[in-house]
């Protein structure tokens, strides 16, 4: 790997200096031809030495004097400047990772860097499987870039990004995007480039999943929120009392809608981004477009004495502090309420357990379910130890 990185680094620098070296070569060629024509009494080796200013004829003309003056400057600035300055410089991690990606073959491509993508990549690294990531946010993948993993920074819907990720030679692709349009465009372009690879696409809407599964795309389409609902069904079965659901994504909406379908239960959905949900709203489902992180935010709209379950479904790492605070306050002042907290890191589970709350992870569940459906030669296929 170190040898490959060194080769890629040299290749990268040569590519960056392409125009300079072309100009350098052409200037030398002009000088060589000039001496070849004007210095007829010398053999080819002597002409070559004249062209690199190692020995100079005594009777050279004006152009020859100009050439002898300029050549050492170009040699120092372009050639020796390149060797001494650039080869020992730290390579641009974005460009280096892109070149690493372009050399991949029979690998897995992950599109979009979210919690599920993190689990796929961690599994590939741990088991030394070939992979490549496409993500348009450099900030999100800074650690992967610094570790010299193959990453293409760019829009996955652009053909150039897919080509840089060697989509033509990939054995499988995992598309983990929130936007259905992006998922469809990526799937269609990848299928045209590679008719044989396995494509696994995360999609929420049933009609989008149906389209992706059909010919000629023939992708495996799945919903992480649907898979996560298996736990929710168990936790809400035969329960009574009101429920609070806090979050802003498809899983949050699924939970709120599911509980609202149960007889005699009222649901209070706090979503600060959306003013509605994908499902049919009924009289038992109340939606508030607010960011609720304090008990006072909840008490403005309901009586906590009537609530038996609270689902905190935030998934941003920056919101974990708010999740802990709200969970601790509910435990302290309303111990009769069962609290369920969505986590993104297994190490956080023990913190939540201190407040007698349960945790769940959509990405962990989705990864395990994906392992059940991928082909035997998949990069994330379970490893028998």
Protein backbone atom coordinates (compact mmCIF):
# COMPACT_ATOMS: atom_id res chain seq x y z
CA UNK A 1 0.00 0.00 0.00
CA UNK A 2 2.86 2.40 0.80
CA UNK A 3 4.43 1.69 -2.60
CA UNK A 4 1.09 2.30 -4.31
CA UNK A 5 0.62 5.58 -2.42
CA UNK A 6 4.13 6.67 -3.42
CA UNK A 7 3.42 5.88 -7.08
CA UNK A 8 0.13 7.73 -6.91
CA UNK A 9 1.82 10.70 -5.29
CA UNK A 10 4.40 10.94 -8.09
CA UNK A 11 1.70 10.49 -10.69
CA UNK A 12 -0.32 13.25 -9.05
CA UNK A 13 2.56 15.73 -9.02
CA UNK A 14 3.50 14.99 -12.61
CA UNK A 15 -0.09 15.57 -13.61
CA UNK A 16 -0.14 18.90 -11.78
CA UNK A 17 3.08 20.00 -13.55
CA UNK A 18 2.01 18.73 -16.97
CA UNK A 19 1.91 22.11 -18.75
CA UNK A 20 5.17 23.26 -17.18
CA UNK A 21 7.01 20.15 -18.32
CA UNK A 22 5.54 20.40 -21.81
CA UNK A 23 6.81 23.97 -22.07
CA UNK A 24 10.18 22.89 -20.61
CA UNK A 25 10.53 20.09 -23.17
CA UNK A 26 9.52 22.26 -26.12
CA UNK A 27 12.01 24.97 -25.13
CA UNK A 28 14.78 22.34 -24.96
CA UNK A 29 13.71 20.85 -28.29
CA UNK A 30 13.89 24.26 -29.98
CA UNK A 31 17.38 24.77 -28.56
CA UNK A 32 18.49 21.30 -29.64
CA UNK A 33 17.25 21.88 -33.20
CA UNK A 34 18.90 25.31 -33.25
CA UNK A 35 22.31 23.90 -32.31
CA UNK A 36 21.81 20.95 -34.67
CA UNK A 37 21.36 23.36 -37.58
CA UNK A 38 23.96 25.97 -36.66
CA UNK A 39 26.75 23.76 -35.28
CA UNK A 40 27.30 21.36 -38.17
CA UNK A 41 30.84 20.40 -37.17
CA UNK A 42 29.83 18.58 -33.97
CA UNK A 43 28.42 15.11 -33.38
CA UNK A 44 24.97 14.49 -31.90
CA UNK A 45 26.29 14.01 -28.36
CA UNK A 46 28.00 17.40 -28.38
CA UNK A 47 24.83 18.99 -29.75
CA UNK A 48 22.89 17.49 -26.86
CA UNK A 49 25.42 18.90 -24.36
CA UNK A 50 25.09 22.32 -25.98
CA UNK A 51 21.30 22.08 -25.63
CA UNK A 52 21.59 21.58 -21.87
CA UNK A 53 24.32 24.29 -21.71
CA UNK A 54 27.10 21.89 -20.74
CA UNK A 55 29.76 23.50 -22.89
CA UNK A 56 28.92 26.34 -25.25
CA UNK A 57 30.23 27.02 -28.78
CA UNK A 58 32.33 30.17 -29.01
CA UNK A 59 30.50 31.63 -31.99
CA UNK A 60 26.79 31.25 -31.04
CA UNK A 61 24.33 33.82 -32.36
CA UNK A 62 21.80 36.02 -30.58
CA UNK A 63 19.22 33.25 -30.09
CA UNK A 64 21.93 30.97 -28.76
CA UNK A 65 22.91 33.59 -26.18
CA UNK A 66 19.25 34.04 -25.20
CA UNK A 67 18.84 30.26 -24.90
CA UNK A 68 21.95 29.93 -22.74
CA UNK A 69 20.62 32.68 -20.46
CA UNK A 70 17.06 31.32 -20.07
CA UNK A 71 17.72 27.58 -19.93
CA UNK A 72 19.34 27.50 -16.44
CA UNK A 73 16.43 29.53 -15.07
CA UNK A 74 13.85 27.10 -16.44
CA UNK A 75 15.90 24.13 -15.26
CA UNK A 76 16.06 25.49 -11.74
CA UNK A 77 12.46 26.73 -11.47
CA UNK A 78 10.62 23.89 -13.21
CA UNK A 79 12.75 20.77 -12.93
CA UNK A 80 14.69 21.14 -9.69
CA UNK A 81 11.84 23.13 -8.15
CA UNK A 82 9.54 20.21 -8.86
CA UNK A 83 11.92 17.61 -7.44
CA UNK A 84 13.05 19.48 -4.36
CA UNK A 85 9.84 21.28 -3.52
CA UNK A 86 6.90 19.19 -4.65
CA UNK A 87 7.95 15.58 -4.19
CA UNK A 88 8.61 16.18 -0.49
CA UNK A 89 5.46 18.21 0.06
CA UNK A 90 2.42 16.70 1.76
CA UNK A 91 0.04 15.62 -0.96
CA UNK A 92 -3.44 17.05 -1.27
CA UNK A 93 -5.58 14.42 0.52
CA UNK A 94 -8.66 15.14 -1.61
CA UNK A 95 -6.85 14.56 -4.90
CA UNK A 96 -4.83 11.63 -3.55
CA UNK A 97 -7.97 9.87 -2.27
CA UNK A 98 -9.65 10.46 -5.62
CA UNK A 99 -6.78 8.81 -7.47
CA UNK A 100 -6.85 5.89 -5.03
CA UNK A 101 -10.55 5.49 -5.83
CA UNK A 102 -9.90 5.47 -9.58
CA UNK A 103 -7.61 2.43 -9.17
CA UNK A 104 -10.23 0.29 -7.40
CA UNK A 105 -11.56 -2.89 -9.03
CA UNK A 106 -14.17 -5.42 -7.86
CA UNK A 107 -14.98 -3.18 -4.93
CA UNK A 108 -17.98 -1.75 -3.08
CA UNK A 109 -19.08 1.84 -3.65
CA UNK A 110 -20.87 3.67 -0.86
CA UNK A 111 -22.77 6.80 -1.90
CA UNK A 112 -23.60 9.28 0.88
CA UNK A 113 -21.90 9.38 4.26
CA UNK A 114 -24.52 8.74 6.94
CA UNK A 115 -24.71 6.44 9.94
CA UNK A 116 -25.40 3.33 7.83
CA UNK A 117 -22.52 4.23 5.50
CA UNK A 118 -20.22 4.56 8.51
CA UNK A 119 -21.06 1.01 9.60
CA UNK A 120 -20.45 -0.34 6.08
CA UNK A 121 -17.09 1.43 5.81
CA UNK A 122 -15.99 0.39 9.29
CA UNK A 123 -16.80 -3.23 8.42
CA UNK A 124 -14.84 -3.00 5.14
CA UNK A 125 -11.80 -1.51 6.87
CA UNK A 126 -11.90 -4.04 9.70
CA UNK A 127 -12.12 -6.97 7.27
CA UNK A 128 -9.76 -5.49 4.64
CA UNK A 129 -12.42 -5.27 1.94
CA UNK A 130 -12.08 -2.97 -1.06
CA UNK A 131 -14.40 0.04 -0.99
CA UNK A 132 -14.81 3.59 -2.24
CA UNK A 133 -16.98 6.43 -0.91
CA UNK A 134 -18.67 9.26 -2.82
CA UNK A 135 -19.65 12.24 -0.67
CA UNK A 136 -20.10 15.89 -1.59
CA UNK A 137 -19.15 17.27 1.84
CA UNK A 138 -15.41 17.29 2.43
CA UNK A 139 -15.90 18.22 6.09
CA UNK A 140 -17.90 15.05 6.83
CA UNK A 141 -15.16 12.73 5.56
CA UNK A 142 -12.08 14.59 6.77
CA UNK A 143 -10.90 11.65 8.90
CA UNK A 144 -11.22 9.23 5.97
CA UNK A 145 -9.27 11.59 3.72
CA UNK A 146 -6.46 12.01 6.24
CA UNK A 147 -6.29 8.24 6.64
CA UNK A 148 -5.84 7.98 2.83
CA UNK A 149 -8.95 5.94 2.19
CA UNK A 150 -10.46 6.10 -1.33
CA UNK A 151 -12.96 8.95 -1.31
CA UNK A 152 -14.41 10.98 -4.18
CA UNK A 153 -15.56 14.44 -3.10
CA UNK A 154 -18.33 15.42 -5.47
CA UNK A 155 -21.94 15.07 -6.56
CA UNK A 156 -22.80 11.39 -6.95
CA UNK A 157 -25.32 12.20 -9.68
CA UNK A 158 -22.50 13.48 -11.90
CA UNK A 159 -21.09 10.91 -14.30
CA UNK A 160 -17.57 12.18 -13.58
CA UNK A 161 -17.87 11.29 -9.88
CA UNK A 162 -19.07 7.78 -10.70
CA UNK A 163 -16.25 7.29 -13.18
CA UNK A 164 -13.68 8.47 -10.62
CA UNK A 165 -15.11 5.89 -8.20
CA UNK A 166 -14.60 3.17 -10.86
CA UNK A 167 -18.32 2.39 -10.95
CA UNK A 168 -17.78 0.46 -14.18
CA UNK A 169 -15.67 -2.10 -12.30
CA UNK A 170 -17.57 -2.23 -8.98
CA UNK A 171 -19.18 -5.43 -7.75
CA UNK A 172 -21.78 -3.65 -5.61
CA UNK A 173 -23.08 -0.19 -4.76
CA UNK A 174 -24.80 1.02 -1.58
CA UNK A 175 -26.81 4.21 -2.10
CA UNK A 176 -27.63 5.79 1.27
CA UNK A 177 -29.14 9.13 0.34
CA UNK A 178 -32.13 10.87 1.90
CA UNK A 179 -33.27 12.35 -1.41
CA UNK A 180 -35.29 10.02 -3.68
CA UNK A 181 -34.36 11.98 -6.82
CA UNK A 182 -30.65 11.55 -6.13
CA UNK A 183 -31.09 7.84 -5.43
CA UNK A 184 -32.96 7.28 -8.70
CA UNK A 185 -30.48 9.25 -10.83
CA UNK A 186 -27.51 7.44 -9.28
CA UNK A 187 -29.12 4.05 -9.78
CA UNK A 188 -29.94 4.72 -13.43
CA UNK A 189 -26.46 6.02 -14.26
CA UNK A 190 -24.70 3.20 -12.45
CA UNK A 191 -26.84 0.57 -14.14
CA UNK A 192 -25.94 1.98 -17.57
CA UNK A 193 -22.25 1.92 -16.68
CA UNK A 194 -22.33 -1.47 -14.98
CA UNK A 195 -25.19 -3.85 -15.89
CA UNK A 196 -23.95 -6.63 -13.61
CA UNK A 197 -23.19 -5.09 -10.21
CA UNK A 198 -25.53 -5.40 -7.24
CA UNK A 199 -27.19 -2.11 -6.27
CA UNK A 200 -28.71 -1.59 -2.82
CA UNK A 201 -30.75 1.59 -2.50
CA UNK A 202 -32.22 3.19 0.60
CA UNK A 203 -35.63 4.72 -0.19
CA UNK A 204 -38.64 5.66 1.90
CA UNK A 205 -41.68 5.80 -0.41
CA UNK A 206 -43.19 2.51 -1.58
CA UNK A 207 -43.64 3.69 -5.18
CA UNK A 208 -39.96 4.71 -5.36
CA UNK A 209 -38.90 1.32 -4.04
CA UNK A 210 -41.11 -0.41 -6.60
CA UNK A 211 -39.58 1.61 -9.45
CA UNK A 212 -36.02 0.86 -8.32
CA UNK A 213 -36.72 -2.86 -8.07
CA UNK A 214 -38.18 -3.08 -11.57
CA UNK A 215 -36.37 -3.70 -14.85
CA UNK A 216 -33.92 -2.51 -16.06
CA UNK A 217 -32.61 -1.12 -12.75
CA UNK A 218 -33.10 -4.35 -10.79
CA UNK A 219 -31.90 -2.81 -7.54
CA UNK A 220 -32.60 -4.04 -4.03
CA UNK A 221 -34.52 -1.21 -2.40
CA UNK A 222 -35.05 -0.96 1.35
CA UNK A 223 -36.24 1.42 4.04
CA UNK A 224 -34.21 1.70 7.24
CA UNK A 225 -37.21 3.14 9.06
CA UNK A 226 -39.33 0.10 8.13
CA UNK A 227 -36.69 -2.24 9.49
CA UNK A 228 -36.38 -0.19 12.68
CA UNK A 229 -40.12 -0.37 13.24
CA UNK A 230 -39.85 -4.01 14.31
CA UNK A 231 -38.62 -2.84 17.73
CA UNK A 232 -41.26 -0.13 17.87
CA UNK A 233 -44.06 -2.62 17.26
CA UNK A 234 -42.87 -4.68 20.23
CA UNK A 235 -42.53 -1.67 22.53
CA UNK A 236 -45.95 -0.20 21.68
CA UNK A 237 -47.99 -3.41 21.48
CA UNK A 238 -51.01 -3.37 23.81
CA UNK A 239 -49.90 -0.12 25.45
CA UNK A 240 -52.18 2.62 26.67
CA UNK A 241 -51.84 6.32 27.40
CA UNK A 242 -50.46 9.16 25.36
CA UNK A 243 -47.14 9.18 23.51
CA UNK A 244 -44.67 11.90 22.59
CA UNK A 245 -42.49 11.52 19.49
CA UNK A 246 -39.63 13.99 18.91
CA UNK A 247 -37.63 14.13 15.69
CA UNK A 248 -37.80 15.15 12.08
CA UNK A 249 -37.23 12.19 9.75
CA UNK A 250 -39.14 9.29 8.21
CA UNK A 251 -38.71 7.02 11.23
CA UNK A 252 -40.09 9.71 13.53
CA UNK A 253 -43.18 10.03 11.35
CA UNK A 254 -43.64 6.27 11.10
CA UNK A 255 -43.58 5.92 14.88
CA UNK A 256 -46.07 8.76 15.40
CA UNK A 257 -48.45 7.44 12.76
CA UNK A 258 -48.22 3.84 13.99
CA UNK A 259 -49.08 4.73 17.59
CA UNK A 260 -51.92 7.01 16.46
CA UNK A 261 -53.54 3.98 14.82
CA UNK A 262 -53.84 2.21 18.16
CA UNK A 263 -57.22 2.50 19.91
CA UNK A 264 -57.51 5.19 22.56
CA UNK A 265 -54.01 6.61 22.19
CA UNK A 266 -53.09 10.21 21.50
CA UNK A 267 -49.77 11.10 19.91
CA UNK A 268 -47.93 14.43 20.10
CA UNK A 269 -45.34 14.81 17.34
CA UNK A 270 -42.69 17.54 17.75
CA UNK A 271 -40.94 18.16 14.42
CA UNK A 272 -39.22 21.53 14.08
CA UNK A 273 -38.58 21.14 10.33
CA UNK A 274 -41.68 19.64 8.76
CA UNK A 275 -45.23 20.94 9.16
CA UNK A 276 -46.74 17.62 8.09
CA UNK A 277 -45.93 13.95 7.49
CA UNK A 278 -46.14 11.47 4.63
CA UNK A 279 -48.99 9.58 6.28
CA UNK A 280 -52.66 10.41 6.64
CA UNK A 281 -53.17 12.54 9.73
CA UNK A 282 -56.00 11.54 12.08
CA UNK A 283 -57.60 13.16 15.12
CA UNK A 284 -55.32 11.31 17.51
CA UNK A 285 -52.14 12.69 15.92
CA UNK A 286 -51.17 16.24 16.90
CA UNK A 287 -48.23 17.88 15.11
CA UNK A 288 -46.19 20.79 16.50
CA UNK A 289 -43.49 22.45 14.42
CA UNK A 290 -41.25 23.14 17.38
CA UNK A 291 -37.87 22.05 18.74
CA UNK A 292 -38.76 20.48 22.08
CA UNK A 293 -35.75 19.93 24.34
CA UNK A 294 -37.14 21.06 27.72
CA UNK A 295 -40.07 19.82 29.78
CA UNK A 296 -41.57 23.29 29.52
CA UNK A 297 -41.67 22.91 25.73
CA UNK A 298 -43.83 19.83 26.15
CA UNK A 299 -46.03 21.10 28.96
CA UNK A 300 -47.22 23.99 26.83
CA UNK A 301 -49.23 21.53 24.74
CA UNK A 302 -50.04 18.52 26.95
CA UNK A 303 -50.21 17.01 30.42
CA UNK A 304 -47.20 14.79 31.08
CA UNK A 305 -49.26 12.87 33.64
CA UNK A 306 -51.25 11.44 30.72
CA UNK A 307 -48.13 10.32 28.80
CA UNK A 308 -46.77 6.79 29.10
CA UNK A 309 -44.15 6.69 26.31
CA UNK A 310 -41.66 9.17 24.84
CA UNK A 311 -39.59 8.49 21.73
CA UNK A 312 -36.61 10.80 21.18
CA UNK A 313 -35.52 10.26 17.59
CA UNK A 314 -32.90 12.92 16.93
CA UNK A 315 -29.93 11.61 14.96
CA UNK A 316 -27.50 14.54 14.87
CA UNK A 317 -24.49 14.07 17.10
CA UNK A 318 -24.78 17.69 18.25
CA UNK A 319 -28.24 16.95 19.69
CA UNK A 320 -27.20 14.12 21.97
CA UNK A 321 -26.75 16.56 24.88
CA UNK A 322 -30.37 17.64 24.52
CA UNK A 323 -31.46 13.99 24.40
CA UNK A 324 -29.61 13.20 27.64
CA UNK A 325 -30.99 16.28 29.38
CA UNK A 326 -34.60 15.57 28.40
CA UNK A 327 -34.28 11.89 29.31
CA UNK A 328 -32.85 12.71 32.73
CA UNK A 329 -35.60 15.24 33.50
CA UNK A 330 -38.34 12.83 32.47
CA UNK A 331 -36.83 10.13 34.66
CA UNK A 332 -36.54 12.49 37.64
CA UNK A 333 -39.95 14.17 37.50
CA UNK A 334 -42.10 11.63 35.65
CA UNK A 335 -40.71 8.15 36.38
CA UNK A 336 -43.92 6.51 35.11
CA UNK A 337 -42.97 7.44 31.51
CA UNK A 338 -41.00 4.92 29.42
CA UNK A 339 -38.38 6.73 27.37
CA UNK A 340 -36.82 5.39 24.15
CA UNK A 341 -33.78 7.17 22.71
CA UNK A 342 -32.32 6.78 19.26
CA UNK A 343 -28.50 6.57 19.37
CA UNK A 344 -25.85 6.71 16.66
CA UNK A 345 -22.93 5.32 18.65
CA UNK A 346 -23.03 2.09 20.67
CA UNK A 347 -20.78 3.67 23.32
CA UNK A 348 -23.64 6.03 24.22
CA UNK A 349 -25.93 3.18 25.19
CA UNK A 350 -24.60 2.91 28.74
CA UNK A 351 -25.19 6.64 29.36
CA UNK A 352 -28.85 6.35 28.42
CA UNK A 353 -29.30 3.19 30.51
CA UNK A 354 -28.40 5.18 33.64
CA UNK A 355 -31.77 6.89 33.31
CA UNK A 356 -33.64 3.60 32.89
CA UNK A 357 -34.35 4.37 29.23
CA UNK A 358 -34.10 2.05 26.22
CA UNK A 359 -32.01 2.72 23.14
CA UNK A 360 -32.36 1.81 19.49
CA UNK A 361 -30.28 2.39 16.36
CA UNK A 362 -31.71 2.40 12.85
CA UNK A 363 -28.26 2.07 11.25
CA UNK A 364 -27.31 -0.96 13.36
CA UNK A 365 -30.58 -2.68 12.54
CA UNK A 366 -30.31 -1.79 8.84
CA UNK A 367 -26.72 -3.07 8.63
CA UNK A 368 -27.69 -6.42 10.12
CA UNK A 369 -30.65 -6.72 7.74
CA UNK A 370 -28.45 -5.83 4.76
CA UNK A 371 -26.01 -8.55 5.72
CA UNK A 372 -28.87 -11.04 5.38
CA UNK A 373 -29.68 -10.07 1.78
CA UNK A 374 -26.30 -9.32 0.17
CA UNK A 375 -24.56 -11.87 -2.06
CA UNK A 376 -21.97 -14.25 -0.63
CA UNK A 377 -19.09 -12.32 -2.17
CA UNK A 378 -20.30 -8.97 -0.85
CA UNK A 379 -17.88 -6.75 1.05
CA UNK A 380 -20.27 -6.75 4.03
CA UNK A 381 -21.20 -10.44 3.94
CA UNK A 382 -20.86 -11.92 7.46
CA UNK A 383 -17.37 -13.22 8.11
CA UNK A 384 -17.24 -16.66 9.68
CA UNK A 385 -14.51 -16.56 12.32
